[in-house]
Amino acid sequence: MVLERIKKLKALILFFLLLISKSILSAPNLIDGIYETELGKDEDGYLHVEFKECLDSKGLFCGYIYKAFEHPSNKIDQKYEHLDKLMVWDIKKNKNNFIGKIWAPDDDKIYKVKISFVNEAEIKVKGCIMIFCRTQYWKLVEKRSSKIDLNLITKKLFKD
């Protein structure tokens, strides 16, 4: 009788340990990949932002403007003046969210940003200056490695 109870107790403990370890391992520790923003304030376009390790900050993540699209045609805007510029920087984990800074090209302001996962394919991006906040939901377009892009470094170093 006592042995049966011990076996049941061990099985119950093992079940809870597996449950806890699964939730810890499945929680995202970083943001990486290419995300599509919502339309900007003037609603004439949207961006693809690539998240990866920052070029100059070990352990922190940044978002670079990867592509720009015109709206409503959805054509790639190859002449967009802010391509490859840093848009989100110094992103670090803070409990269940990520915090850092974000630059909004449509109003040329820098906000404190809080990013949280809505699900595996969408993030909530909330930028605030004092009590004034803007929120967008960005959709994952392409999963990528979070390693530093040597092509981007070369472009920055050897820019005309």
N, C-alpha and C. Protein backbone atom coordinates (compact mmCIF):
# COMPACT_ATOMS: atom_id res chain seq x y z
N MET A 1 0.82 -1.19 0.00
CA MET A 1 0.00 0.00 0.00
C MET A 1 0.87 1.27 0.00
N VAL A 2 1.87 1.29 0.84
CA VAL A 2 2.76 2.44 0.93
C VAL A 2 3.57 2.58 -0.36
N LEU A 3 4.02 1.44 -0.92
CA LEU A 3 4.79 1.47 -2.17
C LEU A 3 3.96 2.03 -3.33
N GLU A 4 2.69 1.69 -3.36
CA GLU A 4 1.80 2.21 -4.42
C GLU A 4 1.65 3.72 -4.31
N ARG A 5 1.52 4.21 -3.10
CA ARG A 5 1.39 5.66 -2.89
C ARG A 5 2.67 6.38 -3.28
N ILE A 6 3.82 5.79 -2.95
CA ILE A 6 5.11 6.39 -3.31
C ILE A 6 5.25 6.44 -4.83
N LYS A 7 4.87 5.35 -5.51
CA LYS A 7 4.94 5.32 -6.98
C LYS A 7 4.03 6.39 -7.59
N LYS A 8 2.82 6.54 -7.05
CA LYS A 8 1.89 7.55 -7.55
C LYS A 8 2.44 8.96 -7.31
N LEU A 9 3.03 9.16 -6.14
CA LEU A 9 3.61 10.45 -5.81
C LEU A 9 4.78 10.77 -6.74
N LYS A 10 5.64 9.79 -7.00
CA LYS A 10 6.77 9.98 -7.92
C LYS A 10 6.27 10.32 -9.32
N ALA A 11 5.25 9.61 -9.77
CA ALA A 11 4.68 9.86 -11.10
C ALA A 11 4.11 11.27 -11.18
N LEU A 12 3.43 11.70 -10.11
CA LEU A 12 2.85 13.04 -10.07
C LEU A 12 3.94 14.10 -10.08
N ILE A 13 5.00 13.91 -9.32
CA ILE A 13 6.12 14.86 -9.29
C ILE A 13 6.79 14.93 -10.65
N LEU A 14 7.02 13.78 -11.27
CA LEU A 14 7.62 13.73 -12.59
C LEU A 14 6.76 14.47 -13.63
N PHE A 15 5.46 14.28 -13.55
CA PHE A 15 4.53 14.97 -14.46
C PHE A 15 4.66 16.48 -14.32
N PHE A 16 4.67 17.00 -13.09
CA PHE A 16 4.77 18.44 -12.87
C PHE A 16 6.13 18.98 -13.30
N LEU A 17 7.19 18.21 -13.07
CA LEU A 17 8.51 18.64 -13.52
C LEU A 17 8.58 18.75 -15.04
N LEU A 18 8.00 17.78 -15.73
CA LEU A 18 7.95 17.84 -17.19
C LEU A 18 7.13 19.02 -17.67
N LEU A 19 6.02 19.26 -17.02
CA LEU A 19 5.15 20.38 -17.39
C LEU A 19 5.87 21.71 -17.21
N ILE A 20 6.55 21.87 -16.09
CA ILE A 20 7.28 23.12 -15.81
C ILE A 20 8.43 23.29 -16.79
N SER A 21 9.21 22.23 -17.03
CA SER A 21 10.35 22.35 -17.93
C SER A 21 9.90 22.66 -19.35
N LYS A 22 8.78 22.12 -19.78
CA LYS A 22 8.26 22.41 -21.13
C LYS A 22 7.90 23.88 -21.26
N SER A 23 7.26 24.45 -20.24
CA SER A 23 6.87 25.86 -20.32
C SER A 23 8.09 26.77 -20.28
N ILE A 24 9.12 26.39 -19.54
CA ILE A 24 10.34 27.20 -19.48
C ILE A 24 11.07 27.15 -20.82
N LEU A 25 11.19 25.95 -21.38
CA LEU A 25 11.91 25.79 -22.63
C LEU A 25 11.17 26.40 -23.82
N SER A 26 9.85 26.45 -23.77
CA SER A 26 9.10 26.98 -24.90
C SER A 26 8.98 28.50 -24.88
N ALA A 27 9.28 29.14 -23.75
CA ALA A 27 9.21 30.60 -23.68
C ALA A 27 10.34 31.20 -24.51
N PRO A 28 10.03 32.14 -25.43
CA PRO A 28 11.05 32.72 -26.29
C PRO A 28 12.05 33.54 -25.47
N ASN A 29 13.34 33.36 -25.75
CA ASN A 29 14.38 34.12 -25.06
C ASN A 29 14.91 35.26 -25.91
N LEU A 30 14.51 35.29 -27.17
CA LEU A 30 14.96 36.36 -28.05
C LEU A 30 13.96 36.53 -29.18
N ILE A 31 14.09 37.66 -29.84
CA ILE A 31 13.27 37.93 -31.02
C ILE A 31 14.21 37.86 -32.21
N ASP A 32 13.93 36.98 -33.14
CA ASP A 32 14.73 36.95 -34.35
C ASP A 32 13.83 36.63 -35.54
N GLY A 33 14.29 37.00 -36.71
CA GLY A 33 13.50 36.81 -37.90
C GLY A 33 13.07 38.14 -38.50
N ILE A 34 12.28 38.05 -39.56
CA ILE A 34 11.80 39.25 -40.25
C ILE A 34 10.31 39.41 -39.95
N TYR A 35 9.93 40.58 -39.47
CA TYR A 35 8.55 40.88 -39.11
C TYR A 35 8.01 42.00 -39.99
N GLU A 36 6.73 41.90 -40.33
CA GLU A 36 6.05 42.92 -41.12
C GLU A 36 5.30 43.85 -40.18
N THR A 37 5.57 45.16 -40.31
CA THR A 37 4.89 46.15 -39.48
C THR A 37 3.49 46.41 -40.01
N GLU A 38 2.71 47.13 -39.25
CA GLU A 38 1.44 47.64 -39.76
C GLU A 38 1.75 48.90 -40.58
N LEU A 39 0.75 49.47 -41.21
CA LEU A 39 0.92 50.71 -41.95
C LEU A 39 1.40 51.81 -41.02
N GLY A 40 2.20 52.72 -41.55
CA GLY A 40 2.65 53.87 -40.78
C GLY A 40 1.52 54.88 -40.58
N LYS A 41 1.81 55.97 -39.89
CA LYS A 41 0.79 56.99 -39.60
C LYS A 41 0.12 57.54 -40.85
N ASP A 42 0.91 57.74 -41.90
CA ASP A 42 0.34 58.31 -43.13
C ASP A 42 -0.28 57.24 -44.03
N GLU A 43 -0.18 55.97 -43.63
CA GLU A 43 -0.80 54.82 -44.31
C GLU A 43 -0.39 54.67 -45.77
N ASP A 44 0.83 55.11 -46.11
CA ASP A 44 1.28 54.94 -47.49
C ASP A 44 2.30 53.82 -47.64
N GLY A 45 2.59 53.11 -46.55
CA GLY A 45 3.54 52.01 -46.66
C GLY A 45 3.74 51.27 -45.34
N TYR A 46 4.45 50.15 -45.46
CA TYR A 46 4.80 49.35 -44.29
C TYR A 46 6.18 48.77 -44.52
N LEU A 47 6.75 48.19 -43.47
CA LEU A 47 8.13 47.74 -43.51
C LEU A 47 8.27 46.27 -43.15
N HIS A 48 9.40 45.70 -43.55
CA HIS A 48 9.86 44.43 -43.02
C HIS A 48 11.08 44.77 -42.17
N VAL A 49 11.05 44.35 -40.92
CA VAL A 49 12.12 44.64 -39.97
C VAL A 49 12.78 43.32 -39.59
N GLU A 50 14.11 43.26 -39.74
CA GLU A 50 14.84 42.05 -39.42
C GLU A 50 15.48 42.18 -38.04
N PHE A 51 15.13 41.26 -37.15
CA PHE A 51 15.72 41.22 -35.82
C PHE A 51 16.88 40.25 -35.80
N LYS A 52 17.98 40.69 -35.18
CA LYS A 52 19.16 39.85 -35.01
C LYS A 52 20.04 40.49 -33.94
N GLU A 53 21.14 39.85 -33.63
CA GLU A 53 22.05 40.39 -32.62
C GLU A 53 22.56 41.75 -33.07
N CYS A 54 22.61 42.71 -32.13
CA CYS A 54 23.09 44.06 -32.46
C CYS A 54 24.55 44.01 -32.90
N LEU A 55 24.91 44.90 -33.80
CA LEU A 55 26.29 44.95 -34.30
C LEU A 55 27.28 45.36 -33.22
N ASP A 56 26.86 46.23 -32.31
CA ASP A 56 27.80 46.77 -31.33
C ASP A 56 27.45 46.46 -29.87
N SER A 57 26.46 45.61 -29.62
CA SER A 57 26.05 45.32 -28.25
C SER A 57 25.93 43.81 -28.06
N LYS A 58 26.88 43.22 -27.38
CA LYS A 58 26.83 41.77 -27.17
C LYS A 58 25.65 41.40 -26.28
N GLY A 59 24.92 40.39 -26.74
CA GLY A 59 23.80 39.89 -25.96
C GLY A 59 22.51 40.63 -26.15
N LEU A 60 22.53 41.76 -26.83
CA LEU A 60 21.31 42.52 -27.09
C LEU A 60 20.90 42.32 -28.54
N PHE A 61 19.60 42.54 -28.82
CA PHE A 61 19.09 42.36 -30.16
C PHE A 61 18.58 43.67 -30.73
N CYS A 62 18.64 43.76 -32.06
CA CYS A 62 18.24 44.97 -32.77
C CYS A 62 17.37 44.61 -33.96
N GLY A 63 16.63 45.60 -34.45
CA GLY A 63 15.82 45.43 -35.65
C GLY A 63 16.24 46.44 -36.70
N TYR A 64 16.56 45.94 -37.89
CA TYR A 64 17.00 46.78 -39.00
C TYR A 64 15.92 46.79 -40.08
N ILE A 65 15.74 47.92 -40.74
CA ILE A 65 14.75 48.01 -41.81
C ILE A 65 15.28 47.22 -43.01
N TYR A 66 14.61 46.14 -43.31
CA TYR A 66 15.06 45.18 -44.32
C TYR A 66 14.46 45.50 -45.70
N LYS A 67 13.16 45.79 -45.71
CA LYS A 67 12.47 46.14 -46.96
C LYS A 67 11.37 47.15 -46.65
N ALA A 68 10.99 47.92 -47.66
CA ALA A 68 9.87 48.85 -47.53
C ALA A 68 8.89 48.56 -48.66
N PHE A 69 7.61 48.70 -48.35
CA PHE A 69 6.56 48.41 -49.32
C PHE A 69 5.62 49.60 -49.43
N GLU A 70 5.20 49.89 -50.66
CA GLU A 70 4.21 50.93 -50.90
C GLU A 70 2.83 50.37 -50.63
N HIS A 71 1.94 51.24 -50.19
CA HIS A 71 0.55 50.83 -49.97
C HIS A 71 -0.34 51.72 -50.81
N PRO A 72 -1.31 51.26 -51.50
CA PRO A 72 -1.91 49.91 -51.45
C PRO A 72 -1.36 48.93 -52.48
N SER A 73 -0.36 49.32 -53.28
CA SER A 73 0.11 48.44 -54.35
C SER A 73 0.93 47.24 -53.85
N ASN A 74 1.48 47.34 -52.64
CA ASN A 74 2.35 46.31 -52.05
C ASN A 74 3.63 46.08 -52.84
N LYS A 75 4.02 47.05 -53.66
CA LYS A 75 5.28 46.96 -54.40
C LYS A 75 6.44 47.33 -53.48
N ILE A 76 7.58 46.66 -53.71
CA ILE A 76 8.77 46.99 -52.93
C ILE A 76 9.26 48.37 -53.32
N ASP A 77 9.51 49.20 -52.32
CA ASP A 77 10.03 50.56 -52.54
C ASP A 77 11.55 50.50 -52.40
N GLN A 78 12.24 50.32 -53.52
CA GLN A 78 13.69 50.16 -53.51
C GLN A 78 14.42 51.47 -53.23
N LYS A 79 13.72 52.59 -53.32
CA LYS A 79 14.34 53.89 -53.08
C LYS A 79 14.04 54.43 -51.68
N TYR A 80 13.44 53.60 -50.84
CA TYR A 80 13.11 54.05 -49.48
C TYR A 80 14.39 54.50 -48.77
N GLU A 81 14.37 55.71 -48.26
CA GLU A 81 15.58 56.34 -47.73
C GLU A 81 16.13 55.71 -46.45
N HIS A 82 15.34 54.89 -45.77
CA HIS A 82 15.80 54.35 -44.48
C HIS A 82 16.16 52.86 -44.52
N LEU A 83 16.32 52.29 -45.71
CA LEU A 83 16.69 50.88 -45.81
C LEU A 83 17.99 50.62 -45.05
N ASP A 84 18.06 49.50 -44.36
CA ASP A 84 19.21 49.05 -43.57
C ASP A 84 19.47 49.88 -42.32
N LYS A 85 18.62 50.86 -42.04
CA LYS A 85 18.81 51.66 -40.83
C LYS A 85 18.32 50.91 -39.60
N LEU A 86 18.92 51.23 -38.49
CA LEU A 86 18.55 50.67 -37.21
C LEU A 86 17.21 51.27 -36.78
N MET A 87 16.23 50.41 -36.49
CA MET A 87 14.91 50.88 -36.10
C MET A 87 14.61 50.52 -34.64
N VAL A 88 15.08 49.35 -34.21
CA VAL A 88 14.85 48.87 -32.85
C VAL A 88 16.21 48.46 -32.30
N TRP A 89 16.54 48.88 -31.07
CA TRP A 89 17.85 48.54 -30.54
C TRP A 89 17.83 48.29 -29.04
N ASP A 90 18.93 47.69 -28.58
CA ASP A 90 19.13 47.35 -27.17
C ASP A 90 17.98 46.53 -26.59
N ILE A 91 17.49 45.58 -27.36
CA ILE A 91 16.38 44.74 -26.92
C ILE A 91 16.91 43.66 -25.98
N LYS A 92 16.34 43.62 -24.79
CA LYS A 92 16.73 42.60 -23.81
C LYS A 92 15.47 42.05 -23.15
N LYS A 93 15.60 40.84 -22.65
CA LYS A 93 14.46 40.18 -22.01
C LYS A 93 14.21 40.81 -20.65
N ASN A 94 12.94 41.03 -20.33
CA ASN A 94 12.53 41.57 -19.04
C ASN A 94 11.27 40.82 -18.62
N LYS A 95 11.44 39.81 -17.79
CA LYS A 95 10.35 38.92 -17.39
C LYS A 95 9.78 38.23 -18.62
N ASN A 96 8.51 38.44 -18.95
CA ASN A 96 7.89 37.79 -20.11
C ASN A 96 7.88 38.67 -21.36
N ASN A 97 8.53 39.83 -21.28
CA ASN A 97 8.56 40.78 -22.38
C ASN A 97 9.99 41.10 -22.76
N PHE A 98 10.11 41.95 -23.76
CA PHE A 98 11.41 42.47 -24.17
C PHE A 98 11.30 43.99 -24.13
N ILE A 99 12.36 44.65 -23.71
CA ILE A 99 12.36 46.12 -23.64
C ILE A 99 13.57 46.66 -24.38
N GLY A 100 13.47 47.91 -24.80
CA GLY A 100 14.55 48.57 -25.51
C GLY A 100 14.08 49.90 -26.04
N LYS A 101 14.57 50.27 -27.22
CA LYS A 101 14.19 51.55 -27.85
C LYS A 101 13.76 51.27 -29.29
N ILE A 102 12.89 52.15 -29.80
CA ILE A 102 12.44 52.04 -31.20
C ILE A 102 12.35 53.44 -31.79
N TRP A 103 12.75 53.53 -33.05
CA TRP A 103 12.64 54.77 -33.82
C TRP A 103 11.51 54.58 -34.82
N ALA A 104 10.57 55.51 -34.83
CA ALA A 104 9.46 55.46 -35.77
C ALA A 104 9.78 56.41 -36.93
N PRO A 105 10.10 55.86 -38.10
CA PRO A 105 10.46 56.72 -39.23
C PRO A 105 9.33 57.64 -39.68
N ASP A 106 8.07 57.24 -39.46
CA ASP A 106 6.95 58.05 -39.94
C ASP A 106 6.75 59.33 -39.15
N ASP A 107 7.25 59.38 -37.91
CA ASP A 107 7.18 60.65 -37.17
C ASP A 107 8.54 61.09 -36.63
N ASP A 108 9.59 60.32 -36.97
CA ASP A 108 10.97 60.61 -36.59
C ASP A 108 11.12 60.83 -35.07
N LYS A 109 10.48 59.94 -34.30
CA LYS A 109 10.58 60.00 -32.83
C LYS A 109 11.14 58.69 -32.30
N ILE A 110 11.81 58.80 -31.15
CA ILE A 110 12.33 57.61 -30.48
C ILE A 110 11.46 57.33 -29.26
N TYR A 111 11.03 56.08 -29.15
CA TYR A 111 10.15 55.64 -28.08
C TYR A 111 10.84 54.56 -27.25
N LYS A 112 10.48 54.46 -25.98
CA LYS A 112 10.81 53.27 -25.21
C LYS A 112 9.87 52.19 -25.72
N VAL A 113 10.40 50.99 -25.95
CA VAL A 113 9.56 49.95 -26.53
C VAL A 113 9.45 48.75 -25.60
N LYS A 114 8.26 48.17 -25.62
CA LYS A 114 8.00 46.91 -24.93
C LYS A 114 7.41 45.96 -25.97
N ILE A 115 8.07 44.82 -26.13
CA ILE A 115 7.64 43.85 -27.14
C ILE A 115 7.25 42.56 -26.44
N SER A 116 6.11 42.02 -26.83
CA SER A 116 5.67 40.75 -26.26
C SER A 116 5.15 39.85 -27.37
N PHE A 117 5.27 38.56 -27.17
CA PHE A 117 4.77 37.60 -28.15
C PHE A 117 3.28 37.41 -27.96
N VAL A 118 2.52 37.58 -29.03
CA VAL A 118 1.10 37.28 -29.04
C VAL A 118 0.94 35.77 -29.25
N ASN A 119 1.71 35.27 -30.20
CA ASN A 119 1.82 33.83 -30.48
C ASN A 119 3.15 33.64 -31.20
N GLU A 120 3.40 32.46 -31.75
CA GLU A 120 4.69 32.19 -32.39
C GLU A 120 4.93 33.02 -33.64
N ALA A 121 3.88 33.56 -34.23
CA ALA A 121 4.01 34.27 -35.49
C ALA A 121 3.64 35.75 -35.42
N GLU A 122 3.49 36.29 -34.20
CA GLU A 122 3.08 37.69 -34.08
C GLU A 122 3.61 38.28 -32.78
N ILE A 123 4.09 39.54 -32.88
CA ILE A 123 4.53 40.26 -31.69
C ILE A 123 3.74 41.55 -31.55
N LYS A 124 3.57 41.95 -30.30
CA LYS A 124 2.94 43.23 -29.99
C LYS A 124 4.06 44.21 -29.68
N VAL A 125 4.10 45.32 -30.41
CA VAL A 125 5.16 46.32 -30.27
C VAL A 125 4.51 47.60 -29.74
N LYS A 126 4.84 47.96 -28.50
CA LYS A 126 4.25 49.14 -27.87
C LYS A 126 5.35 50.13 -27.54
N GLY A 127 5.31 51.29 -28.20
CA GLY A 127 6.30 52.34 -27.97
C GLY A 127 5.67 53.50 -27.22
N CYS A 128 6.39 54.01 -26.22
CA CYS A 128 5.85 55.11 -25.41
C CYS A 128 6.88 56.21 -25.22
N ILE A 129 6.38 57.45 -25.24
CA ILE A 129 7.11 58.63 -24.79
C ILE A 129 6.27 59.21 -23.67
N MET A 130 6.76 59.11 -22.47
CA MET A 130 6.01 59.49 -21.27
C MET A 130 4.68 58.71 -21.24
N ILE A 131 3.55 59.39 -21.35
CA ILE A 131 2.25 58.68 -21.30
C ILE A 131 1.65 58.47 -22.69
N PHE A 132 2.33 58.95 -23.72
CA PHE A 132 1.82 58.83 -25.08
C PHE A 132 2.40 57.57 -25.72
N CYS A 133 1.52 56.66 -26.11
CA CYS A 133 1.96 55.36 -26.63
C CYS A 133 1.36 55.06 -27.99
N ARG A 134 2.07 54.23 -28.75
CA ARG A 134 1.60 53.69 -30.03
C ARG A 134 1.80 52.18 -29.96
N THR A 135 0.83 51.44 -30.46
CA THR A 135 0.93 49.98 -30.46
C THR A 135 0.66 49.45 -31.86
N GLN A 136 1.48 48.49 -32.26
CA GLN A 136 1.27 47.78 -33.51
C GLN A 136 1.46 46.29 -33.26
N TYR A 137 0.88 45.50 -34.14
CA TYR A 137 1.06 44.05 -34.12
C TYR A 137 1.81 43.68 -35.38
N TRP A 138 3.01 43.10 -35.21
CA TRP A 138 3.85 42.74 -36.33
C TRP A 138 3.80 41.24 -36.55
N LYS A 139 3.66 40.84 -37.80
CA LYS A 139 3.57 39.42 -38.15
C LYS A 139 4.91 38.89 -38.64
N LEU A 140 5.25 37.68 -38.21
CA LEU A 140 6.49 37.03 -38.65
C LEU A 140 6.37 36.67 -40.12
N VAL A 141 7.33 37.13 -40.91
CA VAL A 141 7.36 36.86 -42.34
C VAL A 141 8.33 35.71 -42.63
N GLU A 142 9.47 35.74 -41.94
CA GLU A 142 10.50 34.73 -42.18
C GLU A 142 11.31 34.52 -40.91
N LYS A 143 11.44 33.26 -40.51
CA LYS A 143 12.27 32.92 -39.36
C LYS A 143 13.72 32.92 -39.82
N ARG A 144 14.59 33.55 -39.08
CA ARG A 144 16.00 33.65 -39.45
C ARG A 144 16.87 33.36 -38.25
N SER A 145 18.13 33.13 -38.53
CA SER A 145 19.11 32.98 -37.46
C SER A 145 19.37 34.34 -36.86
N SER A 146 19.71 34.38 -35.60
CA SER A 146 19.96 35.64 -34.92
C SER A 146 21.42 36.07 -35.02
N LYS A 147 22.19 35.43 -35.84
CA LYS A 147 23.61 35.76 -35.97
C LYS A 147 23.79 37.08 -36.72
N ILE A 148 24.91 37.72 -36.48
CA ILE A 148 25.23 39.00 -37.11
C ILE A 148 25.41 38.78 -38.61
N ASP A 149 24.86 39.67 -39.42
CA ASP A 149 24.95 39.61 -40.87
C ASP A 149 26.22 40.32 -41.33
N LEU A 150 27.19 39.55 -41.84
CA LEU A 150 28.45 40.13 -42.28
C LEU A 150 28.27 41.04 -43.48
N ASN A 151 27.28 40.77 -44.33
CA ASN A 151 27.01 41.64 -45.48
C ASN A 151 26.61 43.03 -45.03
N LEU A 152 25.79 43.11 -43.98
CA LEU A 152 25.36 44.41 -43.47
C LEU A 152 26.54 45.17 -42.89
N ILE A 153 27.42 44.47 -42.18
CA ILE A 153 28.62 45.12 -41.62
C ILE A 153 29.48 45.67 -42.74
N THR A 154 29.68 44.88 -43.79
CA THR A 154 30.49 45.31 -44.94
C THR A 154 29.88 46.54 -45.58
N LYS A 155 28.55 46.54 -45.75
CA LYS A 155 27.87 47.71 -46.34
C LYS A 155 28.11 48.95 -45.50
N LYS A 156 27.99 48.81 -44.18
CA LYS A 156 28.15 49.97 -43.27
C LYS A 156 29.59 50.48 -43.30
N LEU A 157 30.56 49.56 -43.32
CA LEU A 157 31.96 49.96 -43.28
C LEU A 157 32.45 50.60 -44.58
N PHE A 158 31.96 50.10 -45.71
CA PHE A 158 32.45 50.55 -47.01
C PHE A 158 31.41 51.36 -47.77
N LYS A 159 30.57 52.10 -47.05
CA LYS A 159 29.55 52.93 -47.66
C LYS A 159 30.21 54.10 -48.37
N ASP A 160 29.71 54.42 -49.56
CA ASP A 160 30.33 55.53 -50.35
C ASP A 160 30.24 56.84 -49.64
